[in-house]
Amino acid sequence: MTATELARALRRRETSATAVAEAALRRTHELNPDLNAFALIDDEGARTAARLADEQFAQGIDLGPLHGVPVAVKDIIDMAGLPTTCGSATSFGATAAEDAEVVRRLRAAGAVIIGKTTLHEFAYGATGDRSVHGPSRNPNDPRRMSGGSSGGSAVAVAAGMVPLALGTDTAGSVRVPAALCGVVGFKPAYDALPTAGTYPLAPSLDHLGLFAATSDDALAAYGAVSDPPIEPWTGSFSVGWIPPRSIAVTDPRIEELTRQFVAQAFDTEVVEGLPKGDLFDVFSTLQGREAFRVHEHHLDADADIIDPEVLARLAKGRAIPDRLYAEANEARRELGEVVDDLLSTYDVLALPTAPIVAPALNERTVTVAGTDLEVRAALLSLTSPWNMTGSPAISLPAGRIDGLPVAVQLITAPGNEGLLFAAADKLTR
């Protein structure tokens, strides 16, 4: 059942929060050995929260659409009394003293947290197959990657372990695994959800986000933890189509499928005018420098226990000088001005979420339209620009190619999240 369906069933007394939690725990324990969505399953905490929800319902207390609904939390977000490993052996041995602010809001909304999900080490990777806990695996084909860094959260929702999950998104770490696994992934505007209690990667780019089976569920979940609440949209809106090839090499089949998917619901115009040059190179300079600053102490003390691929990425950030970082920030400012202009013409921008389908686990290069691409760069090429601009973005399943999910991404201006969900609703009805 979706989160919305569960909420309805709980209020009709057709089930109980305890029964729902037990079903979620049972399915999680059954599937997790094969899919590795969870780094930690909190049976005791989930059962305690479910009993409390049932007691509150019996007393006539209704905390909203998440009350009694199972949720998963990415293991980079603090939960009091549980470890926050960030997918790394460097973090073992410590437990969080208090809940992250977003977890506090989940608990205040009555959500039942089932456990903490697997992530790419330090959230510094798009593939989801570099974690001290092992790779999270795509439920559509466990031989393929889930995407990352919030891969475990996407897998948990896609496999039906939980209807909702929290993740973080610095370059596409919610939207990419959502696209590869076939669920909805929503990244609100920068700073719309508080990051207090979430271990940073690149602070000027980090966003919290969430996964759901449907856009209705994503809207309900976001409304329950956002402040101020989202404003509904009832008017009309215009949609501009960004040809993905104007940003990065894209599988022509994905471009055609997503273009047709959007055209079935909207009359769109082709958008031109994005800055020339490699946007992912600009992004990588920003992220690399900031990630190095955050994890510099790990490079000095823990190099022998960090995944070599993640370690190399962090070390590369050490070599980025102030001048290049400043130039990248100026390029980010220019991109923001262009996107602001586009969003003054079009209410929503649309393009594919990822230019490729889910690669095999540990695959690091892929050939698209005769061009050899680095997998991480390809996966993040169409999502990372919107972290630089801080724009709200949602990834929606749009169909399949070779039996694997393909997704479309919608972008709008900060403050227009209600409009974004209205467009998502029209597109997926």
Protein backbone atom coordinates (compact mmCIF):
# COMPACT_ATOMS: atom_id res chain seq x y z
CA MET A 1 0.00 0.00 0.00
CA THR A 2 1.13 3.55 -0.64
CA ALA A 3 1.56 5.95 2.25
CA THR A 4 -1.70 7.66 1.34
CA GLU A 5 -3.55 4.33 1.28
CA LEU A 6 -2.05 3.30 4.61
CA ALA A 7 -3.02 6.60 6.20
CA ARG A 8 -6.59 6.10 5.00
CA ALA A 9 -6.72 2.50 6.26
CA LEU A 10 -5.39 3.53 9.69
CA ARG A 11 -8.04 6.20 10.09
CA ARG A 12 -10.79 3.79 9.08
CA ARG A 13 -9.47 1.33 11.69
CA GLU A 14 -9.02 -1.24 8.95
CA THR A 15 -5.56 -1.95 10.34
CA SER A 16 -3.31 -0.75 13.14
CA ALA A 17 0.05 0.98 13.19
CA THR A 18 1.44 -2.08 14.96
CA ALA A 19 0.23 -4.42 12.22
CA VAL A 20 1.60 -2.09 9.54
CA ALA A 21 4.99 -1.87 11.27
CA GLU A 22 5.20 -5.64 11.70
CA ALA A 23 4.46 -6.13 8.00
CA ALA A 24 7.15 -3.60 7.07
CA LEU A 25 9.69 -5.22 9.39
CA ARG A 26 8.85 -8.69 8.09
CA ARG A 27 9.29 -7.65 4.47
CA THR A 28 12.46 -5.73 5.26
CA HIS A 29 14.07 -8.69 7.02
CA GLU A 30 12.99 -10.97 4.16
CA LEU A 31 14.37 -8.84 1.30
CA ASN A 32 17.30 -7.02 2.86
CA PRO A 33 19.82 -9.89 2.63
CA ASP A 34 19.48 -9.78 -1.17
CA LEU A 35 18.96 -6.05 -1.76
CA ASN A 36 20.93 -4.47 1.13
CA ALA A 37 18.65 -1.46 1.42
CA PHE A 38 19.16 -1.13 5.18
CA ALA A 39 22.38 -0.75 7.13
CA LEU A 40 20.42 -1.01 10.39
CA ILE A 41 16.88 -2.28 11.09
CA ASP A 42 15.48 -0.79 14.29
CA ASP A 43 12.89 -3.41 15.30
CA GLU A 44 12.52 -2.17 18.87
CA GLY A 45 12.27 1.50 17.95
CA ALA A 46 9.73 0.82 15.20
CA ARG A 47 7.52 -1.30 17.47
CA THR A 48 7.62 1.31 20.23
CA ALA A 49 6.64 4.09 17.82
CA ALA A 50 3.85 1.96 16.34
CA ARG A 51 2.38 1.19 19.78
CA LEU A 52 2.43 4.89 20.61
CA ALA A 53 0.64 5.71 17.34
CA ASP A 54 -2.08 3.16 18.13
CA GLU A 55 -2.52 4.63 21.60
CA GLN A 56 -2.82 8.11 20.13
CA PHE A 57 -5.38 7.00 17.53
CA ALA A 58 -7.39 5.35 20.32
CA GLN A 59 -7.39 8.68 22.18
CA GLY A 60 -8.59 10.56 19.11
CA ILE A 61 -5.18 12.13 18.44
CA ASP A 62 -4.36 12.45 14.75
CA LEU A 63 -0.93 13.86 13.91
CA GLY A 64 -1.44 14.00 10.16
CA PRO A 65 -0.73 11.95 7.03
CA LEU A 66 2.44 10.27 8.35
CA HIS A 67 0.89 9.12 11.63
CA GLY A 68 1.55 5.39 11.92
CA VAL A 69 3.23 5.17 8.49
CA PRO A 70 6.59 3.34 8.15
CA VAL A 71 9.53 5.46 6.99
CA ALA A 72 13.25 4.82 6.43
CA VAL A 73 16.08 7.28 7.07
CA LYS A 74 19.41 7.48 5.23
CA ASP A 75 22.33 6.57 7.46
CA ILE A 76 23.88 10.01 7.23
CA ILE A 77 21.04 11.60 9.23
CA ASP A 78 21.21 11.40 13.03
CA MET A 79 18.73 9.35 15.06
CA ALA A 80 19.22 9.56 18.82
CA GLY A 81 20.76 6.41 20.28
CA LEU A 82 21.68 4.89 16.91
CA PRO A 83 24.97 5.06 14.99
CA THR A 84 25.35 7.36 11.99
CA THR A 85 27.96 5.52 9.95
CA CYS A 86 27.77 7.54 6.70
CA GLY A 87 28.55 4.21 5.00
CA SER A 88 32.10 4.38 6.31
CA ALA A 89 34.23 2.42 8.76
CA THR A 90 35.61 5.78 9.94
CA SER A 91 32.34 6.47 11.75
CA PHE A 92 31.97 3.18 13.64
CA GLY A 93 31.65 3.23 17.42
CA ALA A 94 29.74 6.48 17.94
CA THR A 95 25.99 6.98 18.41
CA ALA A 96 23.99 10.13 17.84
CA ALA A 97 23.13 12.09 20.96
CA GLU A 98 19.97 13.61 19.49
CA ASP A 99 17.72 13.47 16.48
CA ALA A 100 18.42 15.52 13.40
CA GLU A 101 15.80 18.24 12.99
CA VAL A 102 14.11 16.42 10.11
CA VAL A 103 13.90 13.23 12.20
CA ARG A 104 12.40 15.22 15.06
CA ARG A 105 9.76 16.46 12.62
CA LEU A 106 9.09 12.92 11.40
CA ARG A 107 8.55 11.73 14.96
CA ALA A 108 6.33 14.74 15.74
CA ALA A 109 4.24 13.77 12.70
CA GLY A 110 3.81 10.25 14.12
CA ALA A 111 5.96 8.43 11.54
CA VAL A 112 7.27 4.96 12.44
CA ILE A 113 10.96 4.79 11.52
CA ILE A 114 11.94 1.26 10.49
CA GLY A 115 15.69 1.79 10.27
CA LYS A 116 18.64 3.45 8.56
CA THR A 117 19.46 2.89 4.91
CA THR A 118 22.67 2.03 3.09
CA LEU A 119 24.52 4.80 1.27
CA HIS A 120 27.60 5.36 -0.86
CA GLU A 121 30.46 6.14 1.54
CA PHE A 122 30.23 9.74 2.82
CA ALA A 123 27.39 10.24 0.26
CA TYR A 124 30.19 10.86 -2.23
CA GLY A 125 29.15 8.76 -5.19
CA ALA A 126 26.31 8.22 -7.64
CA THR A 127 26.59 4.47 -8.02
CA GLY A 128 25.61 3.21 -4.56
CA ASP A 129 28.13 0.36 -4.67
CA ARG A 130 30.87 1.77 -2.45
CA SER A 131 29.85 1.38 1.20
CA VAL A 132 31.30 -0.38 4.20
CA HIS A 133 27.92 -2.14 4.36
CA GLY A 134 28.19 -3.36 0.77
CA PRO A 135 26.29 -2.23 -2.33
CA SER A 136 22.58 -1.54 -2.35
CA ARG A 137 21.05 -3.52 -5.23
CA ASN A 138 18.44 -2.51 -7.77
CA PRO A 139 15.15 -4.39 -7.13
CA ASN A 140 14.49 -4.48 -10.88
CA ASP A 141 17.70 -6.47 -11.37
CA PRO A 142 19.93 -7.09 -8.33
CA ARG A 143 22.94 -7.39 -10.63
CA ARG A 144 22.60 -3.68 -11.34
CA MET A 145 23.36 -0.64 -9.23
CA SER A 146 20.69 1.23 -7.31
CA GLY A 147 22.25 4.59 -7.97
CA GLY A 148 23.47 6.76 -5.16
CA SER A 149 24.31 8.09 -2.87
CA SER A 150 20.87 7.49 -1.29
CA GLY A 151 20.55 4.09 -2.98
CA GLY A 152 19.29 2.20 0.06
CA SER A 153 16.38 4.58 0.54
CA ALA A 154 15.35 4.20 -3.11
CA VAL A 155 15.60 0.41 -2.89
CA ALA A 156 13.55 0.32 0.31
CA VAL A 157 10.67 2.13 -1.38
CA ALA A 158 10.98 0.38 -4.75
CA ALA A 159 10.97 -3.06 -3.09
CA GLY A 160 7.95 -2.22 -0.94
CA MET A 161 9.76 -2.41 2.39
CA VAL A 162 8.50 1.05 3.32
CA PRO A 163 6.32 3.54 1.43
CA LEU A 164 8.53 6.55 2.23
CA ALA A 165 12.22 7.24 2.85
CA LEU A 166 14.52 10.18 3.50
CA GLY A 167 17.70 10.84 1.56
CA THR A 168 20.16 13.60 0.81
CA ASP A 169 20.88 15.13 -2.59
CA THR A 170 24.10 17.02 -3.33
CA ALA A 171 24.37 16.24 -7.05
CA GLY A 172 21.35 14.06 -7.68
CA SER A 173 21.62 11.57 -4.83
CA VAL A 174 17.83 11.37 -4.41
CA ARG A 175 16.73 11.80 -8.01
CA VAL A 176 19.27 9.45 -9.62
CA PRO A 177 18.50 6.36 -7.48
CA ALA A 178 14.79 7.18 -7.75
CA ALA A 179 15.15 7.15 -11.54
CA LEU A 180 17.20 3.95 -11.67
CA CYS A 181 14.94 2.07 -9.25
CA GLY A 182 11.60 3.35 -10.61
CA VAL A 183 10.17 5.49 -7.78
CA VAL A 184 9.49 9.17 -7.15
CA GLY A 185 12.38 11.27 -5.84
CA PHE A 186 11.85 14.85 -4.66
CA LYS A 187 14.53 17.45 -3.89
CA PRO A 188 13.00 20.65 -2.49
CA ALA A 189 14.68 24.03 -2.80
CA TYR A 190 18.02 24.58 -1.09
CA ASP A 191 17.55 24.92 2.69
CA ALA A 192 13.80 24.20 2.47
CA LEU A 193 14.36 21.22 4.77
CA PRO A 194 16.85 21.74 7.62
CA THR A 195 20.15 19.89 7.35
CA ALA A 196 20.96 20.22 11.08
CA GLY A 197 21.98 16.78 12.30
CA THR A 198 22.88 15.57 8.80
CA TYR A 199 26.55 14.95 8.10
CA PRO A 200 27.56 17.35 5.30
CA LEU A 201 29.30 16.59 2.03
CA ALA A 202 29.37 19.94 0.20
CA PRO A 203 27.42 22.42 2.34
CA SER A 204 26.53 24.91 -0.41
CA LEU A 205 25.05 22.09 -2.52
CA ASP A 206 23.55 19.70 0.07
CA HIS A 207 19.77 19.22 0.10
CA LEU A 208 17.50 16.86 2.00
CA GLY A 209 14.95 15.00 -0.08
CA LEU A 210 12.58 12.07 -0.03
CA PHE A 211 11.44 8.99 -1.90
CA ALA A 212 7.88 7.76 -2.42
CA ALA A 213 5.90 5.44 -4.62
CA THR A 214 3.71 8.28 -5.94
CA SER A 215 3.87 12.06 -6.21
CA ASP A 216 0.81 12.26 -3.91
CA ASP A 217 2.79 10.45 -1.23
CA ALA A 218 5.80 12.71 -1.78
CA LEU A 219 3.59 15.76 -1.42
CA ALA A 220 2.00 14.46 1.77
CA ALA A 221 5.38 13.59 3.29
CA TYR A 222 6.96 16.90 2.35
CA GLY A 223 3.97 18.80 3.70
CA ALA A 224 4.28 16.98 7.02
CA VAL A 225 7.93 17.94 7.59
CA SER A 226 8.23 21.30 5.82
CA ASP A 227 7.87 24.68 7.49
CA PRO A 228 6.03 26.65 6.26
CA PRO A 229 3.70 24.08 4.67
CA ILE A 230 3.52 23.85 0.90
CA GLU A 231 1.02 26.07 -0.88
CA PRO A 232 -1.29 24.17 -3.29
CA TRP A 233 -1.41 25.27 -6.92
CA THR A 234 -4.72 25.59 -8.75
CA GLY A 235 -3.84 27.67 -11.81
CA SER A 236 -2.47 26.81 -15.24
CA PHE A 237 1.23 26.56 -16.02
CA SER A 238 3.63 26.38 -18.94
CA VAL A 239 6.32 23.75 -19.52
CA GLY A 240 9.64 24.10 -21.35
CA TRP A 241 11.55 21.06 -22.61
CA ILE A 242 15.34 21.11 -22.18
CA PRO A 243 16.97 18.88 -24.82
CA PRO A 244 19.26 16.77 -22.63
CA ARG A 245 21.94 16.69 -25.31
CA SER A 246 22.41 20.41 -24.71
CA ILE A 247 23.82 19.41 -21.30
CA ALA A 248 25.32 15.94 -21.73
CA VAL A 249 25.43 12.89 -24.00
CA THR A 250 22.12 11.05 -23.59
CA ASP A 251 20.84 7.69 -24.77
CA PRO A 252 18.58 8.67 -27.72
CA ARG A 253 15.99 6.12 -26.58
CA ILE A 254 15.73 7.81 -23.19
CA GLU A 255 15.43 11.24 -24.78
CA GLU A 256 12.63 10.05 -27.09
CA LEU A 257 10.73 8.14 -24.40
CA THR A 258 10.79 10.98 -21.88
CA ARG A 259 9.95 13.59 -24.53
CA GLN A 260 6.87 11.62 -25.54
CA PHE A 261 5.94 11.04 -21.89
CA VAL A 262 5.92 14.79 -21.22
CA ALA A 263 4.14 15.56 -24.52
CA GLN A 264 1.20 13.33 -23.59
CA ALA A 265 0.27 15.78 -20.83
CA PHE A 266 1.71 19.15 -21.88
CA ASP A 267 2.23 21.33 -24.90
CA THR A 268 5.90 22.18 -24.54
CA GLU A 269 8.39 24.48 -26.21
CA VAL A 270 12.05 23.61 -26.64
CA VAL A 271 14.22 25.61 -24.25
CA GLU A 272 17.52 27.08 -25.40
CA GLY A 273 20.07 29.33 -23.79
CA LEU A 274 21.77 27.23 -21.08
CA PRO A 275 25.42 28.23 -20.63
CA LYS A 276 27.90 26.65 -23.00
CA GLY A 277 30.61 24.49 -21.51
CA ASP A 278 30.73 21.54 -19.14
CA LEU A 279 28.30 22.20 -16.28
CA PHE A 280 29.38 19.02 -14.53
CA ASP A 281 32.98 20.23 -14.53
CA VAL A 282 31.84 23.44 -12.80
CA PHE A 283 29.83 21.41 -10.32
CA SER A 284 32.71 19.02 -9.64
CA THR A 285 35.00 21.91 -8.76
CA LEU A 286 32.52 23.22 -6.22
CA GLN A 287 31.73 19.83 -4.75
CA GLY A 288 35.32 18.61 -4.77
CA ARG A 289 36.68 21.61 -2.89
CA GLU A 290 33.89 21.59 -0.30
CA ALA A 291 33.96 17.82 0.23
CA PHE A 292 37.71 17.96 0.83
CA ARG A 293 37.25 20.67 3.45
CA VAL A 294 34.57 18.61 5.24
CA HIS A 295 36.60 15.37 5.19
CA GLU A 296 40.16 16.69 5.39
CA HIS A 297 40.62 15.08 8.79
CA HIS A 298 39.66 11.68 7.34
CA LEU A 299 42.34 12.01 4.67
CA ASP A 300 44.92 12.64 7.35
CA ALA A 301 43.81 9.96 9.83
CA ASP A 302 41.77 7.27 8.08
CA ALA A 303 43.10 6.83 4.55
CA ASP A 304 43.65 3.09 5.06
CA ILE A 305 39.97 2.37 5.85
CA ILE A 306 38.26 4.59 3.24
CA ASP A 307 37.18 3.05 -0.05
CA PRO A 308 39.98 3.80 -2.57
CA GLU A 309 37.58 5.33 -5.09
CA VAL A 310 36.08 7.70 -2.50
CA LEU A 311 39.53 8.46 -1.11
CA ALA A 312 40.82 9.44 -4.55
CA ARG A 313 37.85 11.74 -5.07
CA LEU A 314 38.51 13.46 -1.74
CA ALA A 315 42.22 13.77 -2.45
CA LYS A 316 41.49 15.37 -5.81
CA GLY A 317 39.61 18.13 -3.97
CA ARG A 318 42.78 19.02 -2.06
CA ALA A 319 44.36 20.20 -5.32
CA ILE A 320 41.60 22.70 -6.22
CA PRO A 321 42.97 26.21 -5.65
CA ASP A 322 41.01 29.23 -4.46
CA ARG A 323 41.07 30.71 -7.94
CA LEU A 324 39.32 27.75 -9.58
CA TYR A 325 36.76 27.56 -6.80
CA ALA A 326 36.00 31.26 -7.21
CA GLU A 327 35.65 30.86 -10.99
CA ALA A 328 33.27 27.94 -10.47
CA ASN A 329 31.17 30.03 -8.11
CA GLU A 330 30.97 32.76 -10.73
CA ALA A 331 29.85 30.17 -13.32
CA ARG A 332 27.24 28.98 -10.83
CA ARG A 333 25.98 32.55 -10.44
CA GLU A 334 25.69 32.91 -14.22
CA LEU A 335 23.81 29.60 -14.48
CA GLY A 336 21.42 30.82 -11.78
CA GLU A 337 20.68 33.98 -13.74
CA VAL A 338 19.95 31.98 -16.90
CA VAL A 339 17.66 29.57 -15.05
CA ASP A 340 15.85 32.46 -13.35
CA ASP A 341 15.20 33.95 -16.79
CA LEU A 342 13.94 30.62 -18.13
CA LEU A 343 11.63 30.19 -15.17
CA SER A 344 10.21 33.64 -15.74
CA THR A 345 9.11 32.38 -19.16
CA TYR A 346 8.19 28.79 -18.27
CA ASP A 347 6.70 27.71 -14.95
CA VAL A 348 8.27 24.26 -15.19
CA LEU A 349 11.30 22.87 -17.03
CA ALA A 350 11.44 19.20 -18.06
CA LEU A 351 14.23 16.83 -19.10
CA PRO A 352 15.29 13.23 -18.38
CA THR A 353 16.57 12.53 -14.89
CA ALA A 354 19.45 10.32 -16.01
CA PRO A 355 20.85 9.85 -19.53
CA ILE A 356 21.43 6.10 -19.04
CA VAL A 357 19.61 3.16 -17.43
CA ALA A 358 21.05 1.44 -14.37
CA PRO A 359 24.53 0.08 -15.13
CA ALA A 360 25.83 -3.19 -13.73
CA LEU A 361 27.30 -3.15 -10.22
CA ASN A 362 30.91 -1.90 -10.27
CA GLU A 363 30.67 -0.79 -13.91
CA ARG A 364 32.61 2.43 -14.34
CA THR A 365 32.34 3.23 -18.05
CA VAL A 366 29.41 3.00 -20.44
CA THR A 367 29.08 3.65 -24.16
CA VAL A 368 26.22 5.94 -25.21
CA ALA A 369 25.60 6.92 -28.83
CA GLY A 370 29.14 5.86 -29.70
CA THR A 371 30.70 7.87 -26.86
CA ASP A 372 32.48 6.31 -23.88
CA LEU A 373 31.31 7.93 -20.64
CA GLU A 374 32.40 7.72 -17.02
CA VAL A 375 29.39 6.28 -15.18
CA ARG A 376 29.35 8.69 -12.24
CA ALA A 377 29.61 11.76 -14.46
CA ALA A 378 26.88 10.45 -16.76
CA LEU A 379 24.48 9.67 -13.90
CA LEU A 380 24.85 13.13 -12.37
CA SER A 381 25.09 15.19 -15.55
CA LEU A 382 21.38 16.09 -15.79
CA THR A 383 20.69 16.46 -12.04
CA SER A 384 23.70 18.38 -10.67
CA PRO A 385 22.88 21.72 -12.37
CA TRP A 386 19.80 22.05 -10.16
CA ASN A 387 21.88 21.64 -7.01
CA MET A 388 23.97 24.59 -8.14
CA THR A 389 20.83 26.70 -8.61
CA GLY A 390 19.05 25.30 -5.54
CA SER A 391 15.90 24.68 -7.59
CA PRO A 392 13.13 22.30 -6.48
CA ALA A 393 13.20 19.18 -8.65
CA ILE A 394 11.22 15.95 -8.82
CA SER A 395 12.00 12.71 -10.66
CA LEU A 396 9.03 10.68 -11.92
CA PRO A 397 8.99 7.20 -13.49
CA ALA A 398 8.33 7.57 -17.22
CA GLY A 399 8.60 4.03 -18.60
CA ARG A 400 11.19 1.34 -19.25
CA ILE A 401 13.97 0.57 -21.70
CA ASP A 402 15.47 -2.92 -21.80
CA GLY A 403 13.23 -3.73 -18.82
CA LEU A 404 14.83 -1.01 -16.67
CA PRO A 405 13.20 2.19 -15.34
CA VAL A 406 13.56 5.55 -17.07
CA ALA A 407 12.52 8.83 -15.47
CA VAL A 408 11.69 12.42 -16.29
CA GLN A 409 12.72 15.37 -14.13
CA LEU A 410 10.66 18.51 -13.50
CA ILE A 411 12.25 21.75 -12.27
CA THR A 412 10.67 24.95 -10.94
CA ALA A 413 11.60 28.07 -8.98
CA PRO A 414 11.94 28.07 -5.17
CA GLY A 415 8.57 28.71 -3.58
CA ASN A 416 6.72 27.04 -6.46
CA GLU A 417 6.75 23.53 -5.00
CA GLY A 418 2.96 23.43 -5.12
CA LEU A 419 3.11 24.11 -8.84
CA LEU A 420 5.75 21.38 -9.26
CA PHE A 421 3.50 18.81 -7.60
CA ALA A 422 0.53 19.95 -9.68
CA ALA A 423 2.58 19.32 -12.82
CA ALA A 424 3.72 15.95 -11.48
CA ASP A 425 0.14 14.99 -10.72
CA LYS A 426 -1.03 15.89 -14.24
CA LEU A 427 1.87 14.00 -15.78
CA THR A 428 1.31 10.78 -13.82
CA ARG A 429 -2.50 10.57 -13.83
